[in-house]
PDB file of N, CA and C in Angstrom:
ATOM      1  N   UNK A   1       0.837  -1.161   0.000  1.00  0.00           N
ATOM      2  CA  UNK A   1       0.000   0.000   0.000  1.00  0.00           C
ATOM      3  C   UNK A   1       0.893   1.239   0.000  1.00  0.00           C
ATOM      4  N   UNK A   2       0.597   2.192  -0.870  1.00  0.00           N
ATOM      5  CA  UNK A   2       1.438   3.380  -0.968  1.00  0.00           C
ATOM      6  C   UNK A   2       0.904   4.482  -0.058  1.00  0.00           C
ATOM      7  N   UNK A   3       1.833   5.267   0.427  1.00  0.00           N
ATOM      8  CA  UNK A   3       1.473   6.378   1.314  1.00  0.00           C
ATOM      9  C   UNK A   3       1.091   7.591   0.469  1.00  0.00           C
ATOM     10  N   UNK A   4       0.114   8.355   0.929  1.00  0.00           N
ATOM     11  CA  UNK A   4      -0.264   9.550   0.163  1.00  0.00           C
ATOM     12  C   UNK A   4       0.840  10.615   0.246  1.00  0.00           C
ATOM     13  N   UNK A   5       1.026  11.312  -0.847  1.00  0.00           N
ATOM     14  CA  UNK A   5       2.026  12.383  -0.860  1.00  0.00           C
ATOM     15  C   UNK A   5       1.336  13.713  -0.610  1.00  0.00           C
ATOM     16  N   UNK A   6       1.997  14.542   0.122  1.00  0.00           N
ATOM     17  CA  UNK A   6       1.457  15.857   0.443  1.00  0.00           C
ATOM     18  C   UNK A   6       2.224  16.899  -0.357  1.00  0.00           C
ATOM     19  N   UNK A   7       1.521  17.653  -1.151  1.00  0.00           N
ATOM     20  CA  UNK A   7       2.135  18.690  -1.968  1.00  0.00           C
ATOM     21  C   UNK A   7       1.845  20.035  -1.331  1.00  0.00           C
ATOM     22  N   UNK A   8       2.910  20.806  -1.144  1.00  0.00           N
ATOM     23  CA  UNK A   8       2.746  22.131  -0.553  1.00  0.00           C
ATOM     24  C   UNK A   8       2.166  23.075  -1.606  1.00  0.00           C
ATOM     25  N   UNK A   9       1.186  23.839  -1.234  1.00  0.00           N
ATOM     26  CA  UNK A   9       0.646  24.811  -2.201  1.00  0.00           C
ATOM     27  C   UNK A   9       1.655  25.931  -2.435  1.00  0.00           C
ATOM     28  N   UNK A  10       1.783  26.340  -3.703  1.00  0.00           N
ATOM     29  CA  UNK A  10       2.693  27.434  -4.039  1.00  0.00           C
ATOM     30  C   UNK A  10       1.965  28.757  -3.875  1.00  0.00           C
ATOM     31  N   UNK A  11       2.686  29.769  -3.427  1.00  0.00           N
ATOM     32  CA  UNK A  11       2.045  31.086  -3.350  1.00  0.00           C
ATOM     33  C   UNK A  11       1.782  31.616  -4.755  1.00  0.00           C
ATOM     34  N   UNK A  12       0.719  32.366  -4.898  1.00  0.00           N
ATOM     35  CA  UNK A  12       0.356  32.905  -6.211  1.00  0.00           C
ATOM     36  C   UNK A  12       1.429  33.882  -6.674  1.00  0.00           C
ATOM     37  N   UNK A  13       1.831  33.743  -7.914  1.00  0.00           N
ATOM     38  CA  UNK A  13       2.833  34.659  -8.448  1.00  0.00           C
ATOM     39  C   UNK A  13       2.170  35.970  -8.830  1.00  0.00           C
ATOM     40  N   UNK A  14       2.989  37.004  -8.969  1.00  0.00           N
ATOM     41  CA  UNK A  14       2.464  38.343  -9.216  1.00  0.00           C
ATOM     42  C   UNK A  14       2.334  38.628 -10.708  1.00  0.00           C
ATOM     43  N   UNK A  15       1.501  37.914 -11.420  1.00  0.00           N
ATOM     44  CA  UNK A  15       1.191  38.236 -12.802  1.00  0.00           C
ATOM     45  C   UNK A  15       2.155  37.679 -13.836  1.00  0.00           C
ATOM     46  N   UNK A  16       3.159  36.942 -13.470  1.00  0.00           N
ATOM     47  CA  UNK A  16       4.106  36.424 -14.446  1.00  0.00           C
ATOM     48  C   UNK A  16       4.874  35.244 -13.895  1.00  0.00           C
ATOM     49  N   UNK A  17       5.762  34.755 -14.689  1.00  0.00           N
ATOM     50  CA  UNK A  17       6.587  33.639 -14.268  1.00  0.00           C
ATOM     51  C   UNK A  17       7.658  34.173 -13.330  1.00  0.00           C
ATOM     52  N   UNK A  18       7.787  33.547 -12.216  1.00  0.00           N
ATOM     53  CA  UNK A  18       8.742  33.998 -11.207  1.00  0.00           C
ATOM     54  C   UNK A  18       9.957  33.079 -11.227  1.00  0.00           C
ATOM     55  N   UNK A  19      10.792  33.241 -12.238  1.00  0.00           N
ATOM     56  CA  UNK A  19      12.000  32.437 -12.311  1.00  0.00           C
ATOM     57  C   UNK A  19      13.189  33.370 -12.467  1.00  0.00           C
ATOM     58  N   UNK A  20      14.260  33.005 -11.829  1.00  0.00           N
ATOM     59  CA  UNK A  20      15.465  33.820 -11.893  1.00  0.00           C
ATOM     60  C   UNK A  20      16.548  33.046 -12.601  1.00  0.00           C
ATOM     61  N   UNK A  21      17.252  33.727 -13.487  1.00  0.00           N
ATOM     62  CA  UNK A  21      18.360  33.123 -14.212  1.00  0.00           C
ATOM     63  C   UNK A  21      19.651  33.346 -13.451  1.00  0.00           C
ATOM     64  N   UNK A  22      20.570  32.400 -13.541  1.00  0.00           N
ATOM     65  CA  UNK A  22      21.881  32.648 -12.934  1.00  0.00           C
ATOM     66  C   UNK A  22      22.614  33.750 -13.708  1.00  0.00           C
ATOM     67  N   UNK A  23      23.622  34.341 -13.101  1.00  0.00           N
ATOM     68  CA  UNK A  23      24.327  35.463 -13.712  1.00  0.00           C
ATOM     69  C   UNK A  23      24.973  35.077 -15.023  1.00  0.00           C
ATOM     70  N   UNK A  24      25.450  33.847 -15.147  1.00  0.00           N
ATOM     71  CA  UNK A  24      26.163  33.443 -16.356  1.00  0.00           C
ATOM     72  C   UNK A  24      25.221  33.185 -17.525  1.00  0.00           C
ATOM     73  N   UNK A  25      23.933  33.043 -17.276  1.00  0.00           N
ATOM     74  CA  UNK A  25      22.978  32.826 -18.360  1.00  0.00           C
ATOM     75  C   UNK A  25      22.845  34.078 -19.227  1.00  0.00           C
ATOM     76  N   UNK A  26      23.150  35.221 -18.687  1.00  0.00           N
ATOM     77  CA  UNK A  26      23.158  36.450 -19.461  1.00  0.00           C
ATOM     78  C   UNK A  26      24.582  36.841 -19.857  1.00  0.00           C
ATOM     79  N   UNK A  27      25.540  36.542 -19.005  1.00  0.00           N
ATOM     80  CA  UNK A  27      26.916  36.969 -19.258  1.00  0.00           C
ATOM     81  C   UNK A  27      27.550  36.209 -20.426  1.00  0.00           C
ATOM     82  N   UNK A  28      27.292  34.931 -20.561  1.00  0.00           N
ATOM     83  CA  UNK A  28      27.933  34.164 -21.624  1.00  0.00           C
ATOM     84  C   UNK A  28      27.482  34.579 -23.017  1.00  0.00           C
ATOM     85  N   UNK A  29      26.198  34.756 -23.295  1.00  0.00           N
ATOM     86  CA  UNK A  29      25.827  35.247 -24.627  1.00  0.00           C
ATOM     87  C   UNK A  29      26.361  36.653 -24.919  1.00  0.00           C
ATOM     88  N   UNK A  30      26.387  37.514 -23.908  1.00  0.00           N
ATOM     89  CA  UNK A  30      26.925  38.862 -24.106  1.00  0.00           C
ATOM     90  C   UNK A  30      28.419  38.781 -24.421  1.00  0.00           C
ATOM     91  N   UNK A  31      29.138  37.945 -23.729  1.00  0.00           N
ATOM     92  CA  UNK A  31      30.568  37.777 -23.977  1.00  0.00           C
ATOM     93  C   UNK A  31      30.829  37.228 -25.378  1.00  0.00           C
ATOM     94  N   UNK A  32      30.038  36.252 -25.808  1.00  0.00           N
ATOM     95  CA  UNK A  32      30.195  35.702 -27.153  1.00  0.00           C
ATOM     96  C   UNK A  32      29.880  36.758 -28.204  1.00  0.00           C
ATOM     97  N   UNK A  33      28.849  37.561 -27.999  1.00  0.00           N
ATOM     98  CA  UNK A  33      28.502  38.615 -28.943  1.00  0.00           C
ATOM     99  C   UNK A  33      29.620  39.640 -29.050  1.00  0.00           C
ATOM    100  N   UNK A  34      30.179  40.047 -27.927  1.00  0.00           N
ATOM    101  CA  UNK A  34      31.255  41.039 -27.935  1.00  0.00           C
ATOM    102  C   UNK A  34      32.493  40.474 -28.629  1.00  0.00           C
ATOM    103  N   UNK A  35      32.807  39.200 -28.400  1.00  0.00           N
ATOM    104  CA  UNK A  35      33.970  38.599 -29.045  1.00  0.00           C
ATOM    105  C   UNK A  35      33.786  38.528 -30.559  1.00  0.00           C
ATOM    106  N   UNK A  36      32.610  38.134 -31.011  1.00  0.00           N
ATOM    107  CA  UNK A  36      32.354  38.077 -32.450  1.00  0.00           C
ATOM    108  C   UNK A  36      32.338  39.467 -33.064  1.00  0.00           C
ATOM    109  N   UNK A  37      31.808  40.436 -32.360  1.00  0.00           N
ATOM    110  CA  UNK A  37      31.800  41.801 -32.860  1.00  0.00           C
ATOM    111  C   UNK A  37      33.227  42.337 -32.982  1.00  0.00           C
ATOM    112  N   UNK A  38      34.079  42.000 -32.034  1.00  0.00           N
ATOM    113  CA  UNK A  38      35.479  42.429 -32.100  1.00  0.00           C
ATOM    114  C   UNK A  38      36.184  41.799 -33.295  1.00  0.00           C
ATOM    115  N   UNK A  39      35.875  40.557 -33.594  1.00  0.00           N
ATOM    116  CA  UNK A  39      36.489  39.917 -34.757  1.00  0.00           C
ATOM    117  C   UNK A  39      36.014  40.549 -36.063  1.00  0.00           C
ATOM    118  N   UNK A  40      34.776  40.996 -36.087  1.00  0.00           N
ATOM    119  CA  UNK A  40      34.262  41.632 -37.306  1.00  0.00           C
ATOM    120  C   UNK A  40      34.901  43.010 -37.486  1.00  0.00           C
ATOM    121  N   UNK A  41      35.031  43.755 -36.392  1.00  0.00           N
ATOM    122  CA  UNK A  41      35.556  45.103 -36.497  1.00  0.00           C
ATOM    123  C   UNK A  41      37.057  45.147 -36.735  1.00  0.00           C
ATOM    124  N   UNK A  42      37.783  44.168 -36.245  1.00  0.00           N
ATOM    125  CA  UNK A  42      39.239  44.125 -36.419  1.00  0.00           C
ATOM    126  C   UNK A  42      39.651  42.755 -36.959  1.00  0.00           C
ATOM    127  N   UNK A  43      39.360  42.458 -38.216  1.00  0.00           N
ATOM    128  CA  UNK A  43      39.683  41.135 -38.743  1.00  0.00           C
ATOM    129  C   UNK A  43      41.182  40.909 -38.919  1.00  0.00           C
ATOM    130  N   UNK A  44      41.981  41.968 -38.931  1.00  0.00           N
ATOM    131  CA  UNK A  44      43.424  41.789 -39.091  1.00  0.00           C
ATOM    132  C   UNK A  44      44.047  41.119 -37.875  1.00  0.00           C
ATOM    133  N   UNK A  45      43.395  41.241 -36.719  1.00  0.00           N
ATOM    134  CA  UNK A  45      43.932  40.617 -35.507  1.00  0.00           C
ATOM    135  C   UNK A  45      43.512  39.160 -35.365  1.00  0.00           C
ATOM    136  N   UNK A  46      42.566  38.732 -36.153  1.00  0.00           N
ATOM    137  CA  UNK A  46      42.114  37.341 -36.085  1.00  0.00           C
ATOM    138  C   UNK A  46      43.049  36.485 -36.919  1.00  0.00           C
ATOM    139  N   UNK A  47      43.497  35.391 -36.359  1.00  0.00           N
ATOM    140  CA  UNK A  47      44.387  34.486 -37.078  1.00  0.00           C
ATOM    141  C   UNK A  47      43.552  33.334 -37.616  1.00  0.00           C
ATOM    142  N   UNK A  48      43.220  33.439 -38.882  1.00  0.00           N
ATOM    143  CA  UNK A  48      42.375  32.416 -39.495  1.00  0.00           C
ATOM    144  C   UNK A  48      43.221  31.516 -40.381  1.00  0.00           C
ATOM    145  N   UNK A  49      42.712  30.331 -40.619  1.00  0.00           N
ATOM    146  CA  UNK A  49      43.360  29.406 -41.542  1.00  0.00           C
ATOM    147  C   UNK A  49      43.108  29.901 -42.965  1.00  0.00           C
ATOM    148  N   UNK A  50      43.768  29.252 -43.912  1.00  0.00           N
ATOM    149  CA  UNK A  50      43.561  29.664 -45.299  1.00  0.00           C
ATOM    150  C   UNK A  50      42.108  29.466 -45.663  1.00  0.00           C
ATOM    151  N   UNK A  51      41.539  30.459 -46.283  1.00  0.00           N
ATOM    152  CA  UNK A  51      40.116  30.429 -46.596  1.00  0.00           C
ATOM    153  C   UNK A  51      39.917  30.419 -48.109  1.00  0.00           C
ATOM    154  N   UNK A  52      38.744  30.025 -48.501  1.00  0.00           N
ATOM    155  CA  UNK A  52      38.355  30.049 -49.903  1.00  0.00           C
ATOM    156  C   UNK A  52      38.264  31.507 -50.359  1.00  0.00           C
ATOM    157  N   UNK A  53      38.809  31.852 -51.526  1.00  0.00           N
ATOM    158  CA  UNK A  53      38.758  33.256 -51.973  1.00  0.00           C
ATOM    159  C   UNK A  53      37.336  33.797 -52.098  1.00  0.00           C
ATOM    160  N   UNK A  54      36.383  32.962 -52.436  1.00  0.00           N
ATOM    161  CA  UNK A  54      35.005  33.432 -52.559  1.00  0.00           C
ATOM    162  C   UNK A  54      34.463  33.877 -51.209  1.00  0.00           C
ATOM    163  N   UNK A  55      34.790  33.155 -50.164  1.00  0.00           N
ATOM    164  CA  UNK A  55      34.330  33.533 -48.817  1.00  0.00           C
ATOM    165  C   UNK A  55      35.020  34.820 -48.384  1.00  0.00           C
ATOM    166  N   UNK A  56      36.312  34.947 -48.703  1.00  0.00           N
ATOM    167  CA  UNK A  56      37.041  36.164 -48.367  1.00  0.00           C
ATOM    168  C   UNK A  56      36.436  37.365 -49.069  1.00  0.00           C
ATOM    169  N   UNK A  57      36.105  37.214 -50.346  1.00  0.00           N
ATOM    170  CA  UNK A  57      35.489  38.319 -51.085  1.00  0.00           C
ATOM    171  C   UNK A  57      34.121  38.672 -50.504  1.00  0.00           C
ATOM    172  N   UNK A  58      33.374  37.658 -50.096  1.00  0.00           N
ATOM    173  CA  UNK A  58      32.062  37.911 -49.496  1.00  0.00           C
ATOM    174  C   UNK A  58      32.198  38.723 -48.220  1.00  0.00           C
ATOM    175  N   UNK A  59      33.140  38.338 -47.358  1.00  0.00           N
ATOM    176  CA  UNK A  59      33.348  39.080 -46.113  1.00  0.00           C
ATOM    177  C   UNK A  59      33.831  40.499 -46.381  1.00  0.00           C
ATOM    178  N   UNK A  60      34.668  40.674 -47.390  1.00  0.00           N
ATOM    179  CA  UNK A  60      35.138  42.014 -47.732  1.00  0.00           C
ATOM    180  C   UNK A  60      33.985  42.888 -48.214  1.00  0.00           C
ATOM    181  N   UNK A  61      33.092  42.326 -49.003  1.00  0.00           N
ATOM    182  CA  UNK A  61      31.948  43.093 -49.490  1.00  0.00           C
ATOM    183  C   UNK A  61      30.997  43.447 -48.348  1.00  0.00           C
ATOM    184  N   UNK A  62      30.782  42.514 -47.428  1.00  0.00           N
ATOM    185  CA  UNK A  62      29.924  42.797 -46.274  1.00  0.00           C
ATOM    186  C   UNK A  62      30.542  43.888 -45.421  1.00  0.00           C
ATOM    187  N   UNK A  63      31.848  43.791 -45.219  1.00  0.00           N
ATOM    188  CA  UNK A  63      32.533  44.818 -44.427  1.00  0.00           C
ATOM    189  C   UNK A  63      32.451  46.169 -45.138  1.00  0.00           C
ATOM    190  N   UNK A  64      32.603  46.177 -46.445  1.00  0.00           N
ATOM    191  CA  UNK A  64      32.510  47.422 -47.200  1.00  0.00           C
ATOM    192  C   UNK A  64      31.108  48.035 -47.068  1.00  0.00           C
ATOM    193  N   UNK A  65      30.091  47.197 -47.116  1.00  0.00           N
ATOM    194  CA  UNK A  65      28.717  47.697 -46.965  1.00  0.00           C
ATOM    195  C   UNK A  65      28.458  48.240 -45.565  1.00  0.00           C
ATOM    196  N   UNK A  66      29.047  47.596 -44.572  1.00  0.00           N
ATOM    197  CA  UNK A  66      28.850  48.053 -43.197  1.00  0.00           C
ATOM    198  C   UNK A  66      29.587  49.352 -42.910  1.00  0.00           C
ATOM    199  N   UNK A  67      30.680  49.593 -43.614  1.00  0.00           N
ATOM    200  CA  UNK A  67      31.470  50.801 -43.380  1.00  0.00           C
ATOM    201  C   UNK A  67      30.895  52.026 -44.065  1.00  0.00           C
ATOM    202  N   UNK A  68      29.895  51.879 -44.888  1.00  0.00           N
ATOM    203  CA  UNK A  68      29.300  53.033 -45.583  1.00  0.00           C
ATOM    204  C   UNK A  68      28.608  53.951 -44.628  1.00  0.00           C
TER     205      UNK A  68
END
């Protein structure tokens, strides 16, 4: 015979989901965004492997459009 389980009632939330994220849940995406943005703005400092010329031309054109 199984014993009945008692569930504690939760207090009513104030109009929304009451969940808190840890600090790193926001910090890690922000850090990744800043790192990628730095690579876009200063590609000369990025050490990349040999790339296909078509991809290089595409990135140069995108950079040229962004600098306008």
